[in-house]
């Protein structure tokens, strides 16, 4: 496993319906990018030193940024569809 500060640590949920744990890698304590990593967890903003197991993987910062932008665009498109339907419903009330 290799990481640099700014990458993201993901630990897969081990129980059905349990969300993955996602955290920002703040520090890498090995010159070759290997563990341990100081990670700030998104669910509660605490920081821990992590020695990742087989259920963990690193998402490079660039990949996460691209994925986040895609999700923002999808969300904005959905908001536009909802707003258009609401406007249509207000101008054409059924009844």
Protein backbone atom coordinates (compact mmCIF):
# COMPACT_ATOMS: atom_id res chain seq x y z
CA UNK A 1 0.00 0.00 0.00
CA UNK A 2 1.27 3.46 -0.94
CA UNK A 3 -0.11 6.87 0.04
CA UNK A 4 0.79 10.53 0.26
CA UNK A 5 -0.79 13.20 2.44
CA UNK A 6 -4.06 14.29 0.85
CA UNK A 7 -5.02 10.80 -0.30
CA UNK A 8 -8.04 9.07 1.22
CA UNK A 9 -8.18 5.90 3.32
CA UNK A 10 -11.27 3.72 2.87
CA UNK A 11 -12.03 0.81 5.17
CA UNK A 12 -14.83 -1.38 3.89
CA UNK A 13 -17.75 -2.02 6.24
CA UNK A 14 -17.69 -5.56 7.60
CA UNK A 15 -21.39 -5.72 8.45
CA UNK A 16 -24.27 -5.55 5.96
CA UNK A 17 -25.59 -1.98 5.69
CA UNK A 18 -22.62 -0.61 7.64
CA UNK A 19 -21.04 2.30 5.73
CA UNK A 20 -17.40 2.34 4.75
CA UNK A 21 -15.11 4.41 6.95
CA UNK A 22 -13.50 7.23 4.98
CA UNK A 23 -10.70 9.42 6.18
CA UNK A 24 -8.19 11.95 4.90
CA UNK A 25 -4.57 10.83 5.16
CA UNK A 26 -2.84 13.72 6.92
CA UNK A 27 0.61 12.20 7.49
CA UNK A 28 2.59 9.29 6.08
CA UNK A 29 5.11 7.89 8.56
CA UNK A 30 7.22 5.94 6.07
CA UNK A 31 9.58 7.32 3.43
CA UNK A 32 8.28 4.84 0.82
CA UNK A 33 4.62 5.86 1.33
CA UNK A 34 3.76 2.77 3.35
CA UNK A 35 1.86 2.66 6.63
CA UNK A 36 1.31 3.80 9.27
CA UNK A 37 -0.83 6.78 8.30
CA UNK A 38 -2.29 9.54 10.44
CA UNK A 39 -5.92 9.67 9.28
CA UNK A 40 -8.68 12.17 10.07
CA UNK A 41 -11.98 10.28 9.89
CA UNK A 42 -14.88 12.05 8.18
CA UNK A 43 -17.66 10.56 10.33
CA UNK A 44 -16.48 12.19 13.58
CA UNK A 45 -13.38 14.26 12.68
CA UNK A 46 -11.05 12.38 15.05
CA UNK A 47 -7.51 11.43 14.08
CA UNK A 48 -5.88 8.04 14.54
CA UNK A 49 -2.68 6.34 13.54
CA UNK A 50 -3.69 3.56 11.14
CA UNK A 51 -1.95 0.34 10.20
CA UNK A 52 -4.42 -0.71 7.46
CA UNK A 53 -5.61 -4.27 7.14
CA UNK A 54 -6.78 -6.20 4.07
CA UNK A 55 -10.19 -4.47 4.15
CA UNK A 56 -8.59 -1.04 3.54
CA UNK A 57 -7.46 0.75 0.41
CA UNK A 58 -6.13 4.16 -0.60
CA UNK A 59 -7.90 6.47 -3.04
CA UNK A 60 -5.55 9.03 -4.58
CA UNK A 61 -6.55 12.65 -4.02
CA UNK A 62 -7.04 13.26 -7.77
CA UNK A 63 -9.44 10.30 -8.10
CA UNK A 64 -11.48 11.42 -5.09
CA UNK A 65 -11.68 14.99 -6.40
CA UNK A 66 -12.89 13.75 -9.80
CA UNK A 67 -15.46 11.46 -8.19
CA UNK A 68 -16.70 14.25 -5.92
CA UNK A 69 -17.11 16.61 -8.89
CA UNK A 70 -19.11 13.97 -10.75
CA UNK A 71 -21.41 13.54 -7.73
CA UNK A 72 -21.87 17.33 -7.43
CA UNK A 73 -22.91 17.51 -11.09
CA UNK A 74 -25.38 14.63 -10.66
CA UNK A 75 -26.86 16.29 -7.57
CA UNK A 76 -27.22 19.64 -9.37
CA UNK A 77 -28.95 17.93 -12.31
CA UNK A 78 -31.38 16.21 -9.95
CA UNK A 79 -32.13 19.50 -8.21
CA UNK A 80 -32.93 21.06 -11.60
CA UNK A 81 -35.34 18.23 -12.47
CA UNK A 82 -37.12 18.54 -9.11
CA UNK A 83 -37.36 22.32 -9.41
CA UNK A 84 -38.77 22.05 -12.94
CA UNK A 85 -41.38 19.51 -11.81
CA UNK A 86 -42.35 21.69 -8.85
CA UNK A 87 -42.68 24.75 -11.10
CA UNK A 88 -44.80 22.75 -13.53
CA UNK A 89 -47.03 21.51 -10.67
CA UNK A 90 -47.56 25.08 -9.41
CA UNK A 91 -48.47 26.45 -12.85
CA UNK A 92 -50.64 23.43 -13.78
CA UNK A 93 -52.43 22.35 -10.57
CA UNK A 94 -54.36 19.13 -10.89
CA UNK A 95 -57.83 19.02 -9.72
